């Protein structure tokens, strides 16, 4: 009886996989990316990164690091 159950289960899995709709992974990924980039947390993080980047580009510390790194080249 165990063999019959095994074959029946295999047939169920095969039938389910054939009838399952295909997923367009590229479109699904694009939709998730669009949702994430439109989220509040993404926008807040992007603003923070832009603020820190602008501060770094205008900082005295960056100029010192660049000068030291330039001496090592």
PDB file of N, CA and C in Angstrom:
ATOM      1  N   UNK A   1       0.812  -1.200   0.000  1.00  0.00           N
ATOM      2  CA  UNK A   1       0.000   0.000   0.000  1.00  0.00           C
ATOM      3  C   UNK A   1       0.858   1.268   0.000  1.00  0.00           C
ATOM      4  N   UNK A   2       2.056   1.201   0.565  1.00  0.00           N
ATOM      5  CA  UNK A   2       2.930   2.358   0.624  1.00  0.00           C
ATOM      6  C   UNK A   2       3.365   2.787  -0.766  1.00  0.00           C
ATOM      7  N   UNK A   3       3.624   1.853  -1.646  1.00  0.00           N
ATOM      8  CA  UNK A   3       4.026   2.169  -3.016  1.00  0.00           C
ATOM      9  C   UNK A   3       2.939   2.923  -3.759  1.00  0.00           C
ATOM     10  N   UNK A   4       1.682   2.540  -3.524  1.00  0.00           N
ATOM     11  CA  UNK A   4       0.556   3.217  -4.180  1.00  0.00           C
ATOM     12  C   UNK A   4       0.477   4.665  -3.699  1.00  0.00           C
ATOM     13  N   UNK A   5       0.645   4.879  -2.406  1.00  0.00           N
ATOM     14  CA  UNK A   5       0.615   6.243  -1.863  1.00  0.00           C
ATOM     15  C   UNK A   5       1.751   7.093  -2.431  1.00  0.00           C
ATOM     16  N   UNK A   6       2.925   6.495  -2.542  1.00  0.00           N
ATOM     17  CA  UNK A   6       4.072   7.217  -3.078  1.00  0.00           C
ATOM     18  C   UNK A   6       3.808   7.644  -4.514  1.00  0.00           C
ATOM     19  N   UNK A   7       3.301   6.728  -5.336  1.00  0.00           N
ATOM     20  CA  UNK A   7       3.009   7.062  -6.731  1.00  0.00           C
ATOM     21  C   UNK A   7       1.891   8.085  -6.830  1.00  0.00           C
ATOM     22  N   UNK A   8       0.886   7.965  -5.941  1.00  0.00           N
ATOM     23  CA  UNK A   8      -0.209   8.930  -5.961  1.00  0.00           C
ATOM     24  C   UNK A   8       0.303  10.321  -5.591  1.00  0.00           C
ATOM     25  N   UNK A   9       1.167  10.378  -4.581  1.00  0.00           N
ATOM     26  CA  UNK A   9       1.733  11.670  -4.170  1.00  0.00           C
ATOM     27  C   UNK A   9       2.592  12.255  -5.288  1.00  0.00           C
ATOM     28  N   UNK A  10       3.363  11.410  -5.967  1.00  0.00           N
ATOM     29  CA  UNK A  10       4.179  11.883  -7.091  1.00  0.00           C
ATOM     30  C   UNK A  10       3.290  12.419  -8.205  1.00  0.00           C
ATOM     31  N   UNK A  11       2.176  11.764  -8.464  1.00  0.00           N
ATOM     32  CA  UNK A  11       1.241  12.226  -9.490  1.00  0.00           C
ATOM     33  C   UNK A  11       0.609  13.557  -9.085  1.00  0.00           C
ATOM     34  N   UNK A  12       0.282  13.702  -7.803  1.00  0.00           N
ATOM     35  CA  UNK A  12      -0.271  14.977  -7.321  1.00  0.00           C
ATOM     36  C   UNK A  12       0.731  16.121  -7.506  1.00  0.00           C
ATOM     37  N   UNK A  13       1.962  15.887  -7.153  1.00  0.00           N
ATOM     38  CA  UNK A  13       2.996  16.919  -7.278  1.00  0.00           C
ATOM     39  C   UNK A  13       3.200  17.286  -8.740  1.00  0.00           C
ATOM     40  N   UNK A  14       3.240  16.275  -9.612  1.00  0.00           N
ATOM     41  CA  UNK A  14       3.417  16.532 -11.046  1.00  0.00           C
ATOM     42  C   UNK A  14       2.242  17.330 -11.606  1.00  0.00           C
ATOM     43  N   UNK A  15       1.035  16.968 -11.245  1.00  0.00           N
ATOM     44  CA  UNK A  15      -0.147  17.680 -11.735  1.00  0.00           C
ATOM     45  C   UNK A  15      -0.175  19.115 -11.204  1.00  0.00           C
ATOM     46  N   UNK A  16       0.206  19.298  -9.960  1.00  0.00           N
ATOM     47  CA  UNK A  16       0.213  20.642  -9.378  1.00  0.00           C
ATOM     48  C   UNK A  16       1.256  21.519 -10.060  1.00  0.00           C
ATOM     49  N   UNK A  17       2.425  20.956 -10.370  1.00  0.00           N
ATOM     50  CA  UNK A  17       3.465  21.768 -10.995  1.00  0.00           C
ATOM     51  C   UNK A  17       3.111  22.130 -12.433  1.00  0.00           C
ATOM     52  N   UNK A  18       2.374  21.265 -13.113  1.00  0.00           N
ATOM     53  CA  UNK A  18       1.968  21.563 -14.485  1.00  0.00           C
ATOM     54  C   UNK A  18       0.884  22.631 -14.518  1.00  0.00           C
ATOM     55  N   UNK A  19      -0.012  22.610 -13.542  1.00  0.00           N
ATOM     56  CA  UNK A  19      -1.136  23.545 -13.553  1.00  0.00           C
ATOM     57  C   UNK A  19      -0.805  24.876 -12.872  1.00  0.00           C
ATOM     58  N   UNK A  20       0.342  24.970 -12.229  1.00  0.00           N
ATOM     59  CA  UNK A  20       0.736  26.199 -11.553  1.00  0.00           C
ATOM     60  C   UNK A  20       1.127  27.246 -12.603  1.00  0.00           C
ATOM     61  N   UNK A  21       0.649  28.478 -12.434  1.00  0.00           N
ATOM     62  CA  UNK A  21       1.000  29.511 -13.415  1.00  0.00           C
ATOM     63  C   UNK A  21       2.493  29.850 -13.359  1.00  0.00           C
ATOM     64  N   UNK A  22       3.047  30.185 -14.498  1.00  0.00           N
ATOM     65  CA  UNK A  22       4.459  30.566 -14.574  1.00  0.00           C
ATOM     66  C   UNK A  22       4.607  31.976 -13.997  1.00  0.00           C
ATOM     67  N   UNK A  23       5.697  32.191 -13.294  1.00  0.00           N
ATOM     68  CA  UNK A  23       5.967  33.491 -12.687  1.00  0.00           C
ATOM     69  C   UNK A  23       7.064  34.169 -13.494  1.00  0.00           C
ATOM     70  N   UNK A  24       6.798  35.387 -13.903  1.00  0.00           N
ATOM     71  CA  UNK A  24       7.799  36.167 -14.617  1.00  0.00           C
ATOM     72  C   UNK A  24       8.699  36.816 -13.566  1.00  0.00           C
ATOM     73  N   UNK A  25       9.860  36.212 -13.358  1.00  0.00           N
ATOM     74  CA  UNK A  25      10.755  36.641 -12.294  1.00  0.00           C
ATOM     75  C   UNK A  25      11.247  38.069 -12.526  1.00  0.00           C
ATOM     76  N   UNK A  26      11.548  38.417 -13.758  1.00  0.00           N
ATOM     77  CA  UNK A  26      12.038  39.757 -14.064  1.00  0.00           C
ATOM     78  C   UNK A  26      11.008  40.812 -13.699  1.00  0.00           C
ATOM     79  N   UNK A  27       9.755  40.590 -14.089  1.00  0.00           N
ATOM     80  CA  UNK A  27       8.692  41.546 -13.740  1.00  0.00           C
ATOM     81  C   UNK A  27       8.455  41.599 -12.236  1.00  0.00           C
ATOM     82  N   UNK A  28       8.497  40.434 -11.586  1.00  0.00           N
ATOM     83  CA  UNK A  28       8.297  40.396 -10.138  1.00  0.00           C
ATOM     84  C   UNK A  28       9.401  41.158  -9.424  1.00  0.00           C
ATOM     85  N   UNK A  29      10.653  40.959  -9.856  1.00  0.00           N
ATOM     86  CA  UNK A  29      11.769  41.692  -9.261  1.00  0.00           C
ATOM     87  C   UNK A  29      11.637  43.194  -9.478  1.00  0.00           C
ATOM     88  N   UNK A  30      11.228  43.587 -10.685  1.00  0.00           N
ATOM     89  CA  UNK A  30      11.060  45.009 -10.987  1.00  0.00           C
ATOM     90  C   UNK A  30       9.961  45.628 -10.120  1.00  0.00           C
ATOM     91  N   UNK A  31       8.896  44.879  -9.898  1.00  0.00           N
ATOM     92  CA  UNK A  31       7.804  45.396  -9.076  1.00  0.00           C
ATOM     93  C   UNK A  31       8.245  45.567  -7.616  1.00  0.00           C
ATOM     94  N   UNK A  32       8.985  44.598  -7.101  1.00  0.00           N
ATOM     95  CA  UNK A  32       9.481  44.691  -5.733  1.00  0.00           C
ATOM     96  C   UNK A  32      10.437  45.875  -5.601  1.00  0.00           C
ATOM     97  N   UNK A  33      11.330  46.030  -6.584  1.00  0.00           N
ATOM     98  CA  UNK A  33      12.263  47.166  -6.548  1.00  0.00           C
ATOM     99  C   UNK A  33      11.512  48.490  -6.568  1.00  0.00           C
ATOM    100  N   UNK A  34      10.472  48.580  -7.390  1.00  0.00           N
ATOM    101  CA  UNK A  34       9.665  49.803  -7.462  1.00  0.00           C
ATOM    102  C   UNK A  34       8.992  50.080  -6.110  1.00  0.00           C
ATOM    103  N   UNK A  35       8.476  49.036  -5.473  1.00  0.00           N
ATOM    104  CA  UNK A  35       7.828  49.207  -4.173  1.00  0.00           C
ATOM    105  C   UNK A  35       8.833  49.651  -3.109  1.00  0.00           C
ATOM    106  N   UNK A  36      10.010  49.055  -3.128  1.00  0.00           N
ATOM    107  CA  UNK A  36      11.024  49.411  -2.131  1.00  0.00           C
ATOM    108  C   UNK A  36      11.500  50.843  -2.342  1.00  0.00           C
ATOM    109  N   UNK A  37      11.784  51.192  -3.592  1.00  0.00           N
ATOM    110  CA  UNK A  37      12.289  52.542  -3.872  1.00  0.00           C
ATOM    111  C   UNK A  37      11.224  53.613  -3.596  1.00  0.00           C
ATOM    112  N   UNK A  38       9.974  53.245  -3.597  1.00  0.00           N
ATOM    113  CA  UNK A  38       8.912  54.189  -3.297  1.00  0.00           C
ATOM    114  C   UNK A  38       8.552  54.253  -1.827  1.00  0.00           C
ATOM    115  N   UNK A  39       9.211  53.442  -1.018  1.00  0.00           N
ATOM    116  CA  UNK A  39       8.850  53.369   0.397  1.00  0.00           C
ATOM    117  C   UNK A  39       9.439  54.534   1.191  1.00  0.00           C
ATOM    118  N   UNK A  40       8.851  54.796   2.340  1.00  0.00           N
ATOM    119  CA  UNK A  40       9.300  55.856   3.227  1.00  0.00           C
ATOM    120  C   UNK A  40      10.716  55.583   3.710  1.00  0.00           C
ATOM    121  N   UNK A  41      11.007  54.332   4.082  1.00  0.00           N
ATOM    122  CA  UNK A  41      12.326  54.014   4.626  1.00  0.00           C
ATOM    123  C   UNK A  41      13.417  54.170   3.571  1.00  0.00           C
ATOM    124  N   UNK A  42      13.132  53.820   2.316  1.00  0.00           N
ATOM    125  CA  UNK A  42      14.124  54.000   1.243  1.00  0.00           C
ATOM    126  C   UNK A  42      14.421  55.490   1.065  1.00  0.00           C
ATOM    127  N   UNK A  43      13.368  56.301   1.006  1.00  0.00           N
ATOM    128  CA  UNK A  43      13.555  57.740   0.815  1.00  0.00           C
ATOM    129  C   UNK A  43      14.312  58.374   1.977  1.00  0.00           C
ATOM    130  N   UNK A  44      13.991  57.951   3.187  1.00  0.00           N
ATOM    131  CA  UNK A  44      14.698  58.480   4.358  1.00  0.00           C
ATOM    132  C   UNK A  44      16.168  58.077   4.318  1.00  0.00           C
ATOM    133  N   UNK A  45      16.435  56.827   3.998  1.00  0.00           N
ATOM    134  CA  UNK A  45      17.818  56.362   3.896  1.00  0.00           C
ATOM    135  C   UNK A  45      18.577  57.085   2.806  1.00  0.00           C
ATOM    136  N   UNK A  46      17.928  57.322   1.682  1.00  0.00           N
ATOM    137  CA  UNK A  46      18.570  58.028   0.564  1.00  0.00           C
ATOM    138  C   UNK A  46      18.918  59.464   0.960  1.00  0.00           C
ATOM    139  N   UNK A  47      18.008  60.119   1.678  1.00  0.00           N
ATOM    140  CA  UNK A  47      18.283  61.490   2.137  1.00  0.00           C
ATOM    141  C   UNK A  47      19.473  61.516   3.092  1.00  0.00           C
ATOM    142  N   UNK A  48      19.541  60.542   3.996  1.00  0.00           N
ATOM    143  CA  UNK A  48      20.646  60.472   4.945  1.00  0.00           C
ATOM    144  C   UNK A  48      21.968  60.262   4.207  1.00  0.00           C
ATOM    145  N   UNK A  49      21.972  59.342   3.245  1.00  0.00           N
ATOM    146  CA  UNK A  49      23.191  59.074   2.471  1.00  0.00           C
ATOM    147  C   UNK A  49      23.627  60.319   1.705  1.00  0.00           C
ATOM    148  N   UNK A  50      22.685  61.013   1.091  1.00  0.00           N
ATOM    149  CA  UNK A  50      23.025  62.236   0.347  1.00  0.00           C
ATOM    150  C   UNK A  50      23.577  63.314   1.272  1.00  0.00           C
ATOM    151  N   UNK A  51      23.004  63.461   2.456  1.00  0.00           N
ATOM    152  CA  UNK A  51      23.470  64.452   3.420  1.00  0.00           C
ATOM    153  C   UNK A  51      24.883  64.137   3.889  1.00  0.00           C
ATOM    154  N   UNK A  52      25.132  62.869   4.225  1.00  0.00           N
ATOM    155  CA  UNK A  52      26.469  62.467   4.676  1.00  0.00           C
ATOM    156  C   UNK A  52      27.477  62.609   3.544  1.00  0.00           C
ATOM    157  N   UNK A  53      27.092  62.232   2.346  1.00  0.00           N
ATOM    158  CA  UNK A  53      27.994  62.354   1.194  1.00  0.00           C
ATOM    159  C   UNK A  53      28.371  63.809   0.939  1.00  0.00           C
ATOM    160  N   UNK A  54      27.392  64.695   0.982  1.00  0.00           N
ATOM    161  CA  UNK A  54      27.661  66.120   0.770  1.00  0.00           C
ATOM    162  C   UNK A  54      28.554  66.668   1.875  1.00  0.00           C
ATOM    163  N   UNK A  55      28.305  66.261   3.118  1.00  0.00           N
ATOM    164  CA  UNK A  55      29.127  66.723   4.233  1.00  0.00           C
ATOM    165  C   UNK A  55      30.556  66.204   4.090  1.00  0.00           C
ATOM    166  N   UNK A  56      30.715  64.961   3.668  1.00  0.00           N
ATOM    167  CA  UNK A  56      32.048  64.390   3.489  1.00  0.00           C
ATOM    168  C   UNK A  56      32.817  65.125   2.389  1.00  0.00           C
ATOM    169  N   UNK A  57      32.152  65.412   1.283  1.00  0.00           N
ATOM    170  CA  UNK A  57      32.826  66.092   0.177  1.00  0.00           C
ATOM    171  C   UNK A  57      33.301  67.489   0.581  1.00  0.00           C
ATOM    172  N   UNK A  58      32.620  68.099   1.528  1.00  0.00           N
ATOM    173  CA  UNK A  58      32.962  69.456   1.957  1.00  0.00           C
ATOM    174  C   UNK A  58      33.743  69.475   3.272  1.00  0.00           C
ATOM    175  N   UNK A  59      34.203  68.309   3.742  1.00  0.00           N
ATOM    176  CA  UNK A  59      34.808  68.261   5.080  1.00  0.00           C
ATOM    177  C   UNK A  59      36.321  68.450   5.060  1.00  0.00           C
ATOM    178  N   UNK A  60      36.807  68.974   6.135  1.00  0.00           N
ATOM    179  CA  UNK A  60      38.245  69.146   6.329  1.00  0.00           C
ATOM    180  C   UNK A  60      38.903  67.770   6.475  1.00  0.00           C
ATOM    181  N   UNK A  61      38.210  66.860   7.139  1.00  0.00           N
ATOM    182  CA  UNK A  61      38.740  65.511   7.346  1.00  0.00           C
ATOM    183  C   UNK A  61      39.033  64.833   5.996  1.00  0.00           C
ATOM    184  N   UNK A  62      38.147  64.986   5.022  1.00  0.00           N
ATOM    185  CA  UNK A  62      38.360  64.392   3.701  1.00  0.00           C
ATOM    186  C   UNK A  62      39.616  64.965   3.061  1.00  0.00           C
ATOM    187  N   UNK A  63      39.797  66.239   3.194  1.00  0.00           N
ATOM    188  CA  UNK A  63      40.991  66.866   2.596  1.00  0.00           C
ATOM    189  C   UNK A  63      42.265  66.331   3.243  1.00  0.00           C
ATOM    190  N   UNK A  64      42.230  66.111   4.554  1.00  0.00           N
ATOM    191  CA  UNK A  64      43.389  65.550   5.253  1.00  0.00           C
ATOM    192  C   UNK A  64      43.643  64.116   4.795  1.00  0.00           C
ATOM    193  N   UNK A  65      42.580  63.326   4.720  1.00  0.00           N
ATOM    194  CA  UNK A  65      42.706  61.932   4.267  1.00  0.00           C
ATOM    195  C   UNK A  65      43.235  61.887   2.839  1.00  0.00           C
ATOM    196  N   UNK A  66      42.715  62.749   1.965  1.00  0.00           N
ATOM    197  CA  UNK A  66      43.202  62.793   0.588  1.00  0.00           C
ATOM    198  C   UNK A  66      44.684  63.171   0.527  1.00  0.00           C
ATOM    199  N   UNK A  67      45.079  64.115   1.368  1.00  0.00           N
ATOM    200  CA  UNK A  67      46.489  64.543   1.388  1.00  0.00           C
ATOM    201  C   UNK A  67      47.382  63.400   1.854  1.00  0.00           C
ATOM    202  N   UNK A  68      46.985  62.702   2.898  1.00  0.00           N
ATOM    203  CA  UNK A  68      47.773  61.577   3.412  1.00  0.00           C
ATOM    204  C   UNK A  68      47.807  60.448   2.384  1.00  0.00           C
ATOM    205  N   UNK A  69      46.663  60.147   1.801  1.00  0.00           N
ATOM    206  CA  UNK A  69      46.608  59.075   0.795  1.00  0.00           C
ATOM    207  C   UNK A  69      47.431  59.452  -0.427  1.00  0.00           C
ATOM    208  N   UNK A  70      47.448  60.728  -0.788  1.00  0.00           N
ATOM    209  CA  UNK A  70      48.218  61.179  -1.943  1.00  0.00           C
ATOM    210  C   UNK A  70      49.712  61.012  -1.714  1.00  0.00           C
ATOM    211  N   UNK A  71      50.161  61.170  -0.451  1.00  0.00           N
ATOM    212  CA  UNK A  71      51.566  60.985  -0.118  1.00  0.00           C
ATOM    213  C   UNK A  71      51.980  59.522  -0.212  1.00  0.00           C
ATOM    214  N   UNK A  72      51.049  58.621  -0.018  1.00  0.00           N
ATOM    215  CA  UNK A  72      51.351  57.186  -0.035  1.00  0.00           C
ATOM    216  C   UNK A  72      51.394  56.614  -1.443  1.00  0.00           C
ATOM    217  N   UNK A  73      50.932  57.352  -2.425  1.00  0.00           N
ATOM    218  CA  UNK A  73      50.860  56.810  -3.788  1.00  0.00           C
ATOM    219  C   UNK A  73      52.163  56.890  -4.479  1.00  0.00           C
TER     220      UNK A  73
END
